[in-house]
All heavy atoms as atom14 arrays in JSON, in Angstrom:
{
  "sequence": "LTFWNGGHFKRTSNLKIFEGDITKENFGINEQDLVKLKEETEEIIHCA",
  "atom14_mask": [
    [1, 1, 1, 1, 1, 1, 1, 1, 0, 0, 0, 0, 0, 0],
    [1, 1, 1, 1, 1, 1, 1, 0, 0, 0, 0, 0, 0, 0],
    [1, 1, 1, 1, 1, 1, 1, 1, 1, 1, 1, 0, 0, 0],
    [1, 1, 1, 1, 1, 1, 1, 1, 1, 1, 1, 1, 1, 1],
    [1, 1, 1, 1, 1, 1, 1, 1, 0, 0, 0, 0, 0, 0],
    [1, 1, 1, 1, 0, 0, 0, 0, 0, 0, 0, 0, 0, 0],
    [1, 1, 1, 1, 0, 0, 0, 0, 0, 0, 0, 0, 0, 0],
    [1, 1, 1, 1, 1, 1, 1, 1, 1, 1, 0, 0, 0, 0],
    [1, 1, 1, 1, 1, 1, 1, 1, 1, 1, 1, 0, 0, 0],
    [1, 1, 1, 1, 1, 1, 1, 1, 1, 0, 0, 0, 0, 0],
    [1, 1, 1, 1, 1, 1, 1, 1, 1, 1, 1, 0, 0, 0],
    [1, 1, 1, 1, 1, 1, 1, 0, 0, 0, 0, 0, 0, 0],
    [1, 1, 1, 1, 1, 1, 0, 0, 0, 0, 0, 0, 0, 0],
    [1, 1, 1, 1, 1, 1, 1, 1, 0, 0, 0, 0, 0, 0],
    [1, 1, 1, 1, 1, 1, 1, 1, 0, 0, 0, 0, 0, 0],
    [1, 1, 1, 1, 1, 1, 1, 1, 1, 0, 0, 0, 0, 0],
    [1, 1, 1, 1, 1, 1, 1, 1, 0, 0, 0, 0, 0, 0],
    [1, 1, 1, 1, 1, 1, 1, 1, 1, 1, 1, 0, 0, 0],
    [1, 1, 1, 1, 1, 1, 1, 1, 1, 0, 0, 0, 0, 0],
    [1, 1, 1, 1, 0, 0, 0, 0, 0, 0, 0, 0, 0, 0],
    [1, 1, 1, 1, 1, 1, 1, 1, 0, 0, 0, 0, 0, 0],
    [1, 1, 1, 1, 1, 1, 1, 1, 0, 0, 0, 0, 0, 0],
    [1, 1, 1, 1, 1, 1, 1, 0, 0, 0, 0, 0, 0, 0],
    [1, 1, 1, 1, 1, 1, 1, 1, 1, 0, 0, 0, 0, 0],
    [1, 1, 1, 1, 1, 1, 1, 1, 1, 0, 0, 0, 0, 0],
    [1, 1, 1, 1, 1, 1, 1, 1, 0, 0, 0, 0, 0, 0],
    [1, 1, 1, 1, 1, 1, 1, 1, 1, 1, 1, 0, 0, 0],
    [1, 1, 1, 1, 0, 0, 0, 0, 0, 0, 0, 0, 0, 0],
    [1, 1, 1, 1, 1, 1, 1, 1, 0, 0, 0, 0, 0, 0],
    [1, 1, 1, 1, 1, 1, 1, 1, 0, 0, 0, 0, 0, 0],
    [1, 1, 1, 1, 1, 1, 1, 1, 1, 0, 0, 0, 0, 0],
    [1, 1, 1, 1, 1, 1, 1, 1, 1, 0, 0, 0, 0, 0],
    [1, 1, 1, 1, 1, 1, 1, 1, 0, 0, 0, 0, 0, 0],
    [1, 1, 1, 1, 1, 1, 1, 1, 0, 0, 0, 0, 0, 0],
    [1, 1, 1, 1, 1, 1, 1, 0, 0, 0, 0, 0, 0, 0],
    [1, 1, 1, 1, 1, 1, 1, 1, 1, 0, 0, 0, 0, 0],
    [1, 1, 1, 1, 1, 1, 1, 1, 0, 0, 0, 0, 0, 0],
    [1, 1, 1, 1, 1, 1, 1, 1, 1, 0, 0, 0, 0, 0],
    [1, 1, 1, 1, 1, 1, 1, 1, 1, 0, 0, 0, 0, 0],
    [1, 1, 1, 1, 1, 1, 1, 1, 1, 0, 0, 0, 0, 0],
    [1, 1, 1, 1, 1, 1, 1, 0, 0, 0, 0, 0, 0, 0],
    [1, 1, 1, 1, 1, 1, 1, 1, 1, 0, 0, 0, 0, 0],
    [1, 1, 1, 1, 1, 1, 1, 1, 1, 0, 0, 0, 0, 0],
    [1, 1, 1, 1, 1, 1, 1, 1, 0, 0, 0, 0, 0, 0],
    [1, 1, 1, 1, 1, 1, 1, 1, 0, 0, 0, 0, 0, 0],
    [1, 1, 1, 1, 1, 1, 1, 1, 1, 1, 0, 0, 0, 0],
    [1, 1, 1, 1, 1, 1, 0, 0, 0, 0, 0, 0, 0, 0],
    [1, 1, 1, 1, 1, 0, 0, 0, 0, 0, 0, 0, 0, 0]
  ],
  "atom14_positions": [
    [[-38.67, 39.76, 338.8], [-39.58, 39.42, 337.71], [-41.04, 39.6, 338.14], [-41.86, 40.06, 337.35], [-39.33, 38.0, 337.22], [-38.03, 37.8, 336.44], [-37.74, 36.33, 336.24], [-38.07, 38.55, 335.12], [0.0, 0.0, 0.0], [0.0, 0.0, 0.0], [0.0, 0.0, 0.0], [0.0, 0.0, 0.0], [0.0, 0.0, 0.0], [0.0, 0.0, 0.0]],
    [[-41.33, 39.28, 339.37], [-42.67, 39.49, 339.9], [-42.99, 40.98, 339.94], [-44.09, 41.4, 339.57], [-42.8, 38.87, 341.31], [-42.55, 37.47, 341.2], [-44.17, 39.09, 341.9], [0.0, 0.0, 0.0], [0.0, 0.0, 0.0], [0.0, 0.0, 0.0], [0.0, 0.0, 0.0], [0.0, 0.0, 0.0], [0.0, 0.0, 0.0], [0.0, 0.0, 0.0]],
    [[-42.03, 41.79, 340.35], [-42.2, 43.25, 340.38], [-42.55, 43.78, 338.98], [-43.51, 44.51, 338.79], [-40.93, 43.92, 340.9], [-40.9, 45.4, 340.71], [-41.59, 46.24, 341.56], [-40.18, 45.97, 339.66], [-41.56, 47.63, 341.39], [-40.15, 47.35, 339.47], [-40.85, 48.17, 340.34], [0.0, 0.0, 0.0], [0.0, 0.0, 0.0], [0.0, 0.0, 0.0]],
    [[-41.75, 43.4, 337.97], [-41.95, 43.9, 336.62], [-43.23, 43.37, 335.97], [-43.73, 43.95, 335.02], [-40.76, 43.58, 335.73], [-39.55, 44.39, 336.02], [-38.33, 43.92, 336.41], [-39.4, 45.82, 335.94], [-37.45, 44.97, 336.59], [-38.08, 46.14, 336.31], [-40.27, 46.85, 335.61], [-37.6, 47.44, 336.34], [-39.79, 48.16, 335.65], [-38.48, 48.43, 336.0]],
    [[-43.73, 42.25, 336.46], [-44.92, 41.65, 335.87], [-46.17, 41.92, 336.7], [-47.09, 41.11, 336.73], [-44.71, 40.14, 335.69], [-43.79, 39.84, 334.53], [-44.11, 40.11, 333.4], [-42.61, 39.32, 334.84], [0.0, 0.0, 0.0], [0.0, 0.0, 0.0], [0.0, 0.0, 0.0], [0.0, 0.0, 0.0], [0.0, 0.0, 0.0], [0.0, 0.0, 0.0]],
    [[-46.2, 43.04, 337.38], [-47.4, 43.45, 338.1], [-47.8, 42.54, 339.25], [-48.98, 42.37, 339.54], [0.0, 0.0, 0.0], [0.0, 0.0, 0.0], [0.0, 0.0, 0.0], [0.0, 0.0, 0.0], [0.0, 0.0, 0.0], [0.0, 0.0, 0.0], [0.0, 0.0, 0.0], [0.0, 0.0, 0.0], [0.0, 0.0, 0.0], [0.0, 0.0, 0.0]],
    [[-46.82, 41.95, 339.89], [-47.09, 41.09, 341.05], [-47.29, 39.63, 340.71], [-47.56, 38.82, 341.59], [0.0, 0.0, 0.0], [0.0, 0.0, 0.0], [0.0, 0.0, 0.0], [0.0, 0.0, 0.0], [0.0, 0.0, 0.0], [0.0, 0.0, 0.0], [0.0, 0.0, 0.0], [0.0, 0.0, 0.0], [0.0, 0.0, 0.0], [0.0, 0.0, 0.0]],
    [[-47.14, 39.28, 339.45], [-47.32, 37.89, 339.02], [-46.14, 37.47, 338.16], [-45.72, 38.2, 337.28], [-48.6, 37.74, 338.19], [-49.81, 38.26, 338.88], [-50.44, 37.57, 339.88], [-50.5, 39.41, 338.71], [-51.48, 38.29, 340.31], [-51.53, 39.41, 339.61], [0.0, 0.0, 0.0], [0.0, 0.0, 0.0], [0.0, 0.0, 0.0], [0.0, 0.0, 0.0]],
    [[-45.65, 36.28, 338.42], [-44.64, 35.71, 337.54], [-44.79, 34.2, 337.56], [-44.81, 33.58, 338.6], [-43.21, 36.09, 337.96], [-42.17, 35.42, 337.11], [-41.99, 35.82, 335.79], [-41.41, 34.39, 337.6], [-41.06, 35.19, 334.98], [-40.47, 33.76, 336.8], [-40.29, 34.17, 335.49], [0.0, 0.0, 0.0], [0.0, 0.0, 0.0], [0.0, 0.0, 0.0]],
    [[-44.92, 33.64, 336.38], [-45.03, 32.2, 336.22], [-43.65, 31.65, 335.86], [-43.03, 32.12, 334.9], [-46.04, 31.88, 335.12], [-46.26, 30.43, 334.89], [-47.28, 30.24, 333.76], [-47.21, 28.83, 333.24], [-48.01, 28.65, 332.05], [0.0, 0.0, 0.0], [0.0, 0.0, 0.0], [0.0, 0.0, 0.0], [0.0, 0.0, 0.0], [0.0, 0.0, 0.0]],
    [[-43.19, 30.69, 336.62], [-41.88, 30.1, 336.32], [-41.88, 29.51, 334.92], [-42.89, 29.01, 334.46], [-41.54, 29.03, 337.34], [-41.29, 29.61, 338.71], [-41.0, 28.52, 339.72], [-40.92, 29.11, 341.05], [-39.82, 29.15, 341.76], [-38.71, 28.65, 341.29], [-39.82, 29.7, 342.95], [0.0, 0.0, 0.0], [0.0, 0.0, 0.0], [0.0, 0.0, 0.0]],
    [[-40.74, 29.59, 334.27], [-40.62, 29.13, 332.89], [-39.38, 28.28, 332.72], [-38.37, 28.5, 333.4], [-40.59, 30.34, 331.92], [-40.33, 29.86, 330.63], [-39.53, 31.35, 332.31], [0.0, 0.0, 0.0], [0.0, 0.0, 0.0], [0.0, 0.0, 0.0], [0.0, 0.0, 0.0], [0.0, 0.0, 0.0], [0.0, 0.0, 0.0], [0.0, 0.0, 0.0]],
    [[-39.45, 27.33, 331.81], [-38.29, 26.48, 331.53], [-37.24, 27.22, 330.71], [-36.13, 26.73, 330.54], [-38.73, 25.21, 330.8], [-39.33, 25.54, 329.56], [0.0, 0.0, 0.0], [0.0, 0.0, 0.0], [0.0, 0.0, 0.0], [0.0, 0.0, 0.0], [0.0, 0.0, 0.0], [0.0, 0.0, 0.0], [0.0, 0.0, 0.0], [0.0, 0.0, 0.0]],
    [[-37.56, 28.4, 330.21], [-36.61, 29.21, 329.44], [-35.59, 29.92, 330.33], [-34.7, 30.58, 329.83], [-37.34, 30.27, 328.62], [-38.06, 29.68, 327.44], [-38.05, 28.48, 327.25], [-38.69, 30.52, 326.66], [0.0, 0.0, 0.0], [0.0, 0.0, 0.0], [0.0, 0.0, 0.0], [0.0, 0.0, 0.0], [0.0, 0.0, 0.0], [0.0, 0.0, 0.0]],
    [[-35.76, 29.83, 331.63], [-34.9, 30.56, 332.57], [-34.13, 29.6, 333.45], [-34.71, 28.74, 334.11], [-35.76, 31.48, 333.44], [-35.06, 32.22, 334.57], [-34.01, 33.18, 334.02], [-36.08, 32.96, 335.42], [0.0, 0.0, 0.0], [0.0, 0.0, 0.0], [0.0, 0.0, 0.0], [0.0, 0.0, 0.0], [0.0, 0.0, 0.0], [0.0, 0.0, 0.0]],
    [[-32.81, 29.76, 333.45], [-31.94, 29.01, 334.37], [-31.16, 30.03, 335.18], [-30.56, 30.95, 334.62], [-30.97, 28.1, 333.62], [-31.63, 26.93, 332.95], [-30.58, 26.04, 332.32], [-31.24, 24.91, 331.57], [-30.25, 24.11, 330.85], [0.0, 0.0, 0.0], [0.0, 0.0, 0.0], [0.0, 0.0, 0.0], [0.0, 0.0, 0.0], [0.0, 0.0, 0.0]],
    [[-31.19, 29.87, 336.49], [-30.5, 30.8, 337.38], [-29.31, 30.11, 338.0], [-29.43, 29.03, 338.59], [-31.46, 31.32, 338.47], [-32.65, 32.02, 337.82], [-30.72, 32.26, 339.42], [-33.78, 32.33, 338.77], [0.0, 0.0, 0.0], [0.0, 0.0, 0.0], [0.0, 0.0, 0.0], [0.0, 0.0, 0.0], [0.0, 0.0, 0.0], [0.0, 0.0, 0.0]],
    [[-28.15, 30.74, 337.87], [-26.91, 30.25, 338.46], [-26.5, 31.23, 339.53], [-26.41, 32.43, 339.28], [-25.81, 30.14, 337.4], [-26.1, 29.11, 336.34], [-26.85, 29.43, 335.22], [-25.62, 27.82, 336.47], [-27.11, 28.49, 334.24], [-25.87, 26.87, 335.51], [-26.63, 27.2, 334.39], [0.0, 0.0, 0.0], [0.0, 0.0, 0.0], [0.0, 0.0, 0.0]],
    [[-26.27, 30.72, 340.72], [-25.83, 31.59, 341.81], [-24.32, 31.73, 341.72], [-23.58, 30.75, 341.68], [-26.22, 31.01, 343.16], [-25.93, 31.96, 344.28], [-26.82, 31.74, 345.49], [-27.87, 31.13, 345.35], [-26.44, 32.21, 346.55], [0.0, 0.0, 0.0], [0.0, 0.0, 0.0], [0.0, 0.0, 0.0], [0.0, 0.0, 0.0], [0.0, 0.0, 0.0]],
    [[-23.87, 32.99, 341.68], [-22.44, 33.24, 341.58], [-22.13, 34.7, 341.84], [-22.97, 35.46, 342.31], [0.0, 0.0, 0.0], [0.0, 0.0, 0.0], [0.0, 0.0, 0.0], [0.0, 0.0, 0.0], [0.0, 0.0, 0.0], [0.0, 0.0, 0.0], [0.0, 0.0, 0.0], [0.0, 0.0, 0.0], [0.0, 0.0, 0.0], [0.0, 0.0, 0.0]],
    [[-20.92, 35.08, 341.52], [-20.45, 36.45, 341.78], [-19.37, 36.77, 340.76], [-18.36, 36.06, 340.67], [-19.88, 36.51, 343.2], [-19.5, 37.9, 343.64], [-19.14, 38.74, 342.78], [-19.56, 38.17, 344.85], [0.0, 0.0, 0.0], [0.0, 0.0, 0.0], [0.0, 0.0, 0.0], [0.0, 0.0, 0.0], [0.0, 0.0, 0.0], [0.0, 0.0, 0.0]],
    [[-19.56, 37.83, 340.0], [-18.61, 38.16, 338.94], [-17.23, 38.56, 339.47], [-16.27, 38.58, 338.73], [-19.14, 39.25, 337.99], [-19.31, 40.58, 338.71], [-20.41, 38.81, 337.31], [-19.46, 41.76, 337.79], [0.0, 0.0, 0.0], [0.0, 0.0, 0.0], [0.0, 0.0, 0.0], [0.0, 0.0, 0.0], [0.0, 0.0, 0.0], [0.0, 0.0, 0.0]],
    [[-17.13, 38.87, 340.75], [-15.84, 39.27, 341.31], [-14.98, 38.08, 341.7], [-13.83, 38.25, 342.08], [-16.03, 40.18, 342.54], [-16.64, 39.44, 343.6], [-16.88, 41.4, 342.2], [0.0, 0.0, 0.0], [0.0, 0.0, 0.0], [0.0, 0.0, 0.0], [0.0, 0.0, 0.0], [0.0, 0.0, 0.0], [0.0, 0.0, 0.0], [0.0, 0.0, 0.0]],
    [[-15.55, 36.86, 341.61], [-14.82, 35.66, 342.01], [-14.33, 34.9, 340.78], [-14.89, 35.01, 339.7], [-15.72, 34.76, 342.86], [-16.1, 35.39, 344.17], [-16.95, 34.47, 344.99], [-17.3, 35.15, 346.31], [-18.21, 34.32, 347.1], [0.0, 0.0, 0.0], [0.0, 0.0, 0.0], [0.0, 0.0, 0.0], [0.0, 0.0, 0.0], [0.0, 0.0, 0.0]],
    [[-13.28, 34.11, 340.99], [-12.75, 33.29, 339.92], [-13.83, 32.33, 339.42], [-14.55, 31.73, 340.22], [-11.54, 32.5, 340.41], [-10.86, 31.71, 339.33], [-9.6, 31.02, 339.82], [-9.04, 31.42, 340.85], [-9.19, 30.07, 339.15], [0.0, 0.0, 0.0], [0.0, 0.0, 0.0], [0.0, 0.0, 0.0], [0.0, 0.0, 0.0], [0.0, 0.0, 0.0]],
    [[-13.93, 32.2, 338.11], [-14.98, 31.38, 337.48], [-16.37, 31.74, 337.98], [-17.25, 30.88, 338.06], [-14.7, 29.89, 337.69], [-13.46, 29.43, 336.95], [-13.14, 29.94, 335.88], [-12.74, 28.51, 337.53], [0.0, 0.0, 0.0], [0.0, 0.0, 0.0], [0.0, 0.0, 0.0], [0.0, 0.0, 0.0], [0.0, 0.0, 0.0], [0.0, 0.0, 0.0]],
    [[-16.55, 32.99, 338.31], [-17.83, 33.53, 338.78], [-18.31, 32.9, 340.07], [-19.47, 33.04, 340.44], [-18.92, 33.4, 337.7], [-18.53, 33.96, 336.38], [-18.39, 33.15, 335.28], [-18.26, 35.32, 336.24], [-18.01, 33.67, 334.05], [-17.89, 35.85, 335.02], [-17.77, 35.02, 333.93], [0.0, 0.0, 0.0], [0.0, 0.0, 0.0], [0.0, 0.0, 0.0]],
    [[-17.44, 32.17, 340.75], [-17.81, 31.54, 342.01], [-18.76, 30.37, 341.85], [-19.43, 29.97, 342.81], [0.0, 0.0, 0.0], [0.0, 0.0, 0.0], [0.0, 0.0, 0.0], [0.0, 0.0, 0.0], [0.0, 0.0, 0.0], [0.0, 0.0, 0.0], [0.0, 0.0, 0.0], [0.0, 0.0, 0.0], [0.0, 0.0, 0.0], [0.0, 0.0, 0.0]],
    [[-18.83, 29.79, 340.65], [-19.72, 28.65, 340.43], [-18.9, 27.38, 340.22], [-17.72, 27.44, 339.87], [-20.69, 28.87, 339.26], [-19.94, 29.08, 337.95], [-21.61, 30.04, 339.53], [-20.85, 29.21, 336.75], [0.0, 0.0, 0.0], [0.0, 0.0, 0.0], [0.0, 0.0, 0.0], [0.0, 0.0, 0.0], [0.0, 0.0, 0.0], [0.0, 0.0, 0.0]],
    [[-19.52, 26.25, 340.44], [-18.79, 24.98, 340.35], [-18.47, 24.64, 338.89], [-19.05, 25.18, 337.96], [-19.57, 23.85, 341.03], [-20.88, 23.53, 340.35], [-20.93, 23.38, 339.13], [-21.95, 23.44, 341.13], [0.0, 0.0, 0.0], [0.0, 0.0, 0.0], [0.0, 0.0, 0.0], [0.0, 0.0, 0.0], [0.0, 0.0, 0.0], [0.0, 0.0, 0.0]],
    [[-17.53, 23.75, 338.72], [-17.01, 23.39, 337.39], [-18.12, 22.85, 336.48], [-18.18, 23.19, 335.3], [-15.88, 22.36, 337.52], [-15.21, 22.03, 336.21], [-14.45, 23.19, 335.59], [-13.95, 24.06, 336.34], [-14.35, 23.23, 334.35], [0.0, 0.0, 0.0], [0.0, 0.0, 0.0], [0.0, 0.0, 0.0], [0.0, 0.0, 0.0], [0.0, 0.0, 0.0]],
    [[-19.0, 22.03, 337.03], [-20.09, 21.44, 336.23], [-21.0, 22.53, 335.66], [-21.35, 22.51, 334.48], [-20.89, 20.47, 337.08], [-22.0, 19.77, 336.34], [-22.76, 18.81, 337.22], [-22.42, 18.59, 338.38], [-23.8, 18.23, 336.69], [0.0, 0.0, 0.0], [0.0, 0.0, 0.0], [0.0, 0.0, 0.0], [0.0, 0.0, 0.0], [0.0, 0.0, 0.0]],
    [[-21.39, 23.5, 336.49], [-22.24, 24.59, 336.02], [-21.49, 25.49, 335.04], [-22.08, 25.99, 334.08], [-22.78, 25.41, 337.19], [-23.89, 24.71, 337.93], [-24.47, 23.74, 337.38], [-24.19, 25.11, 339.07], [0.0, 0.0, 0.0], [0.0, 0.0, 0.0], [0.0, 0.0, 0.0], [0.0, 0.0, 0.0], [0.0, 0.0, 0.0], [0.0, 0.0, 0.0]],
    [[-20.21, 25.69, 335.27], [-19.41, 26.52, 334.36], [-19.35, 25.88, 332.98], [-19.52, 26.57, 331.96], [-18.01, 26.72, 334.93], [-17.11, 27.68, 334.17], [-17.7, 29.08, 334.16], [-15.72, 27.71, 334.8], [0.0, 0.0, 0.0], [0.0, 0.0, 0.0], [0.0, 0.0, 0.0], [0.0, 0.0, 0.0], [0.0, 0.0, 0.0], [0.0, 0.0, 0.0]],
    [[-19.15, 24.59, 332.91], [-19.13, 23.88, 331.63], [-20.48, 24.0, 330.95], [-20.56, 24.28, 329.75], [-18.75, 22.39, 331.84], [-19.0, 21.58, 330.58], [-17.3, 22.27, 332.28], [0.0, 0.0, 0.0], [0.0, 0.0, 0.0], [0.0, 0.0, 0.0], [0.0, 0.0, 0.0], [0.0, 0.0, 0.0], [0.0, 0.0, 0.0], [0.0, 0.0, 0.0]],
    [[-21.56, 23.85, 331.71], [-22.91, 23.97, 331.15], [-23.15, 25.37, 330.59], [-23.68, 25.53, 329.49], [-23.95, 23.66, 332.24], [-25.36, 23.55, 331.71], [-26.37, 23.29, 332.82], [-26.15, 21.93, 333.41], [-27.18, 21.56, 334.38], [0.0, 0.0, 0.0], [0.0, 0.0, 0.0], [0.0, 0.0, 0.0], [0.0, 0.0, 0.0], [0.0, 0.0, 0.0]],
    [[-22.72, 26.38, 331.32], [-22.87, 27.76, 330.84], [-22.11, 27.98, 329.54], [-22.61, 28.6, 328.61], [-22.38, 28.75, 331.9], [-23.37, 29.17, 332.96], [-22.68, 30.01, 334.02], [-24.52, 29.93, 332.35], [0.0, 0.0, 0.0], [0.0, 0.0, 0.0], [0.0, 0.0, 0.0], [0.0, 0.0, 0.0], [0.0, 0.0, 0.0], [0.0, 0.0, 0.0]],
    [[-20.89, 27.47, 329.47], [-20.08, 27.64, 328.27], [-20.73, 26.95, 327.06], [-20.7, 27.48, 325.96], [-18.68, 27.08, 328.49], [-17.82, 27.95, 329.38], [-16.46, 27.3, 329.58], [-15.57, 28.13, 330.48], [-14.24, 27.5, 330.67], [0.0, 0.0, 0.0], [0.0, 0.0, 0.0], [0.0, 0.0, 0.0], [0.0, 0.0, 0.0], [0.0, 0.0, 0.0]],
    [[-21.31, 25.79, 327.28], [-21.93, 25.04, 326.19], [-23.23, 25.69, 325.71], [-23.54, 25.65, 324.53], [-22.22, 23.6, 326.64], [-20.99, 22.77, 326.83], [-21.28, 21.4, 327.43], [-22.43, 21.15, 327.88], [-20.35, 20.58, 327.49], [0.0, 0.0, 0.0], [0.0, 0.0, 0.0], [0.0, 0.0, 0.0], [0.0, 0.0, 0.0], [0.0, 0.0, 0.0]],
    [[-23.99, 26.27, 326.62], [-25.34, 26.75, 326.3], [-25.42, 28.24, 325.97], [-26.42, 28.68, 325.44], [-26.29, 26.47, 327.47], [-26.48, 25.01, 327.76], [-27.4, 24.77, 328.95], [-27.89, 25.75, 329.55], [-27.62, 23.6, 329.28], [0.0, 0.0, 0.0], [0.0, 0.0, 0.0], [0.0, 0.0, 0.0], [0.0, 0.0, 0.0], [0.0, 0.0, 0.0]],
    [[-24.39, 28.99, 326.28], [-24.47, 30.44, 326.13], [-23.94, 30.89, 324.78], [-22.82, 30.56, 324.4], [-23.69, 31.14, 327.27], [-24.22, 30.69, 328.52], [-23.81, 32.64, 327.17], [0.0, 0.0, 0.0], [0.0, 0.0, 0.0], [0.0, 0.0, 0.0], [0.0, 0.0, 0.0], [0.0, 0.0, 0.0], [0.0, 0.0, 0.0], [0.0, 0.0, 0.0]],
    [[-24.77, 31.64, 324.05], [-24.37, 32.17, 322.75], [-23.98, 33.64, 322.83], [-23.13, 34.1, 322.09], [-25.53, 32.01, 321.76], [-25.83, 30.55, 321.45], [-26.99, 30.4, 320.49], [-27.36, 31.39, 319.82], [-27.53, 29.29, 320.41], [0.0, 0.0, 0.0], [0.0, 0.0, 0.0], [0.0, 0.0, 0.0], [0.0, 0.0, 0.0], [0.0, 0.0, 0.0]],
    [[-24.64, 34.39, 323.69], [-24.36, 35.82, 323.85], [-24.34, 36.16, 325.33], [-25.04, 35.54, 326.12], [-25.43, 36.67, 323.15], [-25.46, 36.49, 321.66], [-26.49, 37.37, 320.98], [-26.55, 38.57, 321.34], [-27.21, 36.87, 320.12], [0.0, 0.0, 0.0], [0.0, 0.0, 0.0], [0.0, 0.0, 0.0], [0.0, 0.0, 0.0], [0.0, 0.0, 0.0]],
    [[-23.57, 37.17, 325.67], [-23.49, 37.63, 327.06], [-23.9, 39.1, 327.1], [-23.4, 39.92, 326.32], [-22.07, 37.47, 327.63], [-21.68, 35.99, 327.66], [-21.98, 38.11, 329.02], [-20.25, 35.74, 328.03], [0.0, 0.0, 0.0], [0.0, 0.0, 0.0], [0.0, 0.0, 0.0], [0.0, 0.0, 0.0], [0.0, 0.0, 0.0], [0.0, 0.0, 0.0]],
    [[-24.81, 39.4, 328.0], [-25.2, 40.78, 328.25], [-24.83, 41.07, 329.7], [-25.38, 40.46, 330.61], [-26.71, 41.0, 328.02], [-27.07, 40.63, 326.58], [-27.08, 42.45, 328.33], [-28.55, 40.61, 326.3], [0.0, 0.0, 0.0], [0.0, 0.0, 0.0], [0.0, 0.0, 0.0], [0.0, 0.0, 0.0], [0.0, 0.0, 0.0], [0.0, 0.0, 0.0]],
    [[-23.89, 41.97, 329.89], [-23.37, 42.28, 331.22], [-24.14, 43.45, 331.8], [-24.1, 44.56, 331.28], [-21.89, 42.62, 331.08], [-21.17, 42.85, 332.36], [-21.61, 43.73, 333.33], [-20.03, 42.32, 332.83], [-20.77, 43.73, 334.33], [-19.8, 42.89, 334.06], [0.0, 0.0, 0.0], [0.0, 0.0, 0.0], [0.0, 0.0, 0.0], [0.0, 0.0, 0.0]],
    [[-24.87, 43.2, 332.88], [-25.65, 44.26, 333.53], [-25.27, 44.44, 335.0], [-25.98, 45.13, 335.74], [-27.14, 43.97, 333.42], [-27.76, 44.03, 331.74], [0.0, 0.0, 0.0], [0.0, 0.0, 0.0], [0.0, 0.0, 0.0], [0.0, 0.0, 0.0], [0.0, 0.0, 0.0], [0.0, 0.0, 0.0], [0.0, 0.0, 0.0], [0.0, 0.0, 0.0]],
    [[-24.19, 43.81, 335.44], [-23.78, 43.95, 336.83], [-23.18, 45.33, 337.05], [-22.54, 45.89, 336.17], [-22.75, 42.87, 337.18], [0.0, 0.0, 0.0], [0.0, 0.0, 0.0], [0.0, 0.0, 0.0], [0.0, 0.0, 0.0], [0.0, 0.0, 0.0], [0.0, 0.0, 0.0], [0.0, 0.0, 0.0], [0.0, 0.0, 0.0], [0.0, 0.0, 0.0]]
  ]
}
């Protein structure tokens, strides 16, 4: 994001980052985060 914004990026509350891996079961994330993702996600854009 810093690269695309010319060397500057201000953190925003609109962005939540989950560490995981699409090759792992449940994306390699814990159950609590998985439930949160399911509740909050309306659309999925796959760019991996």
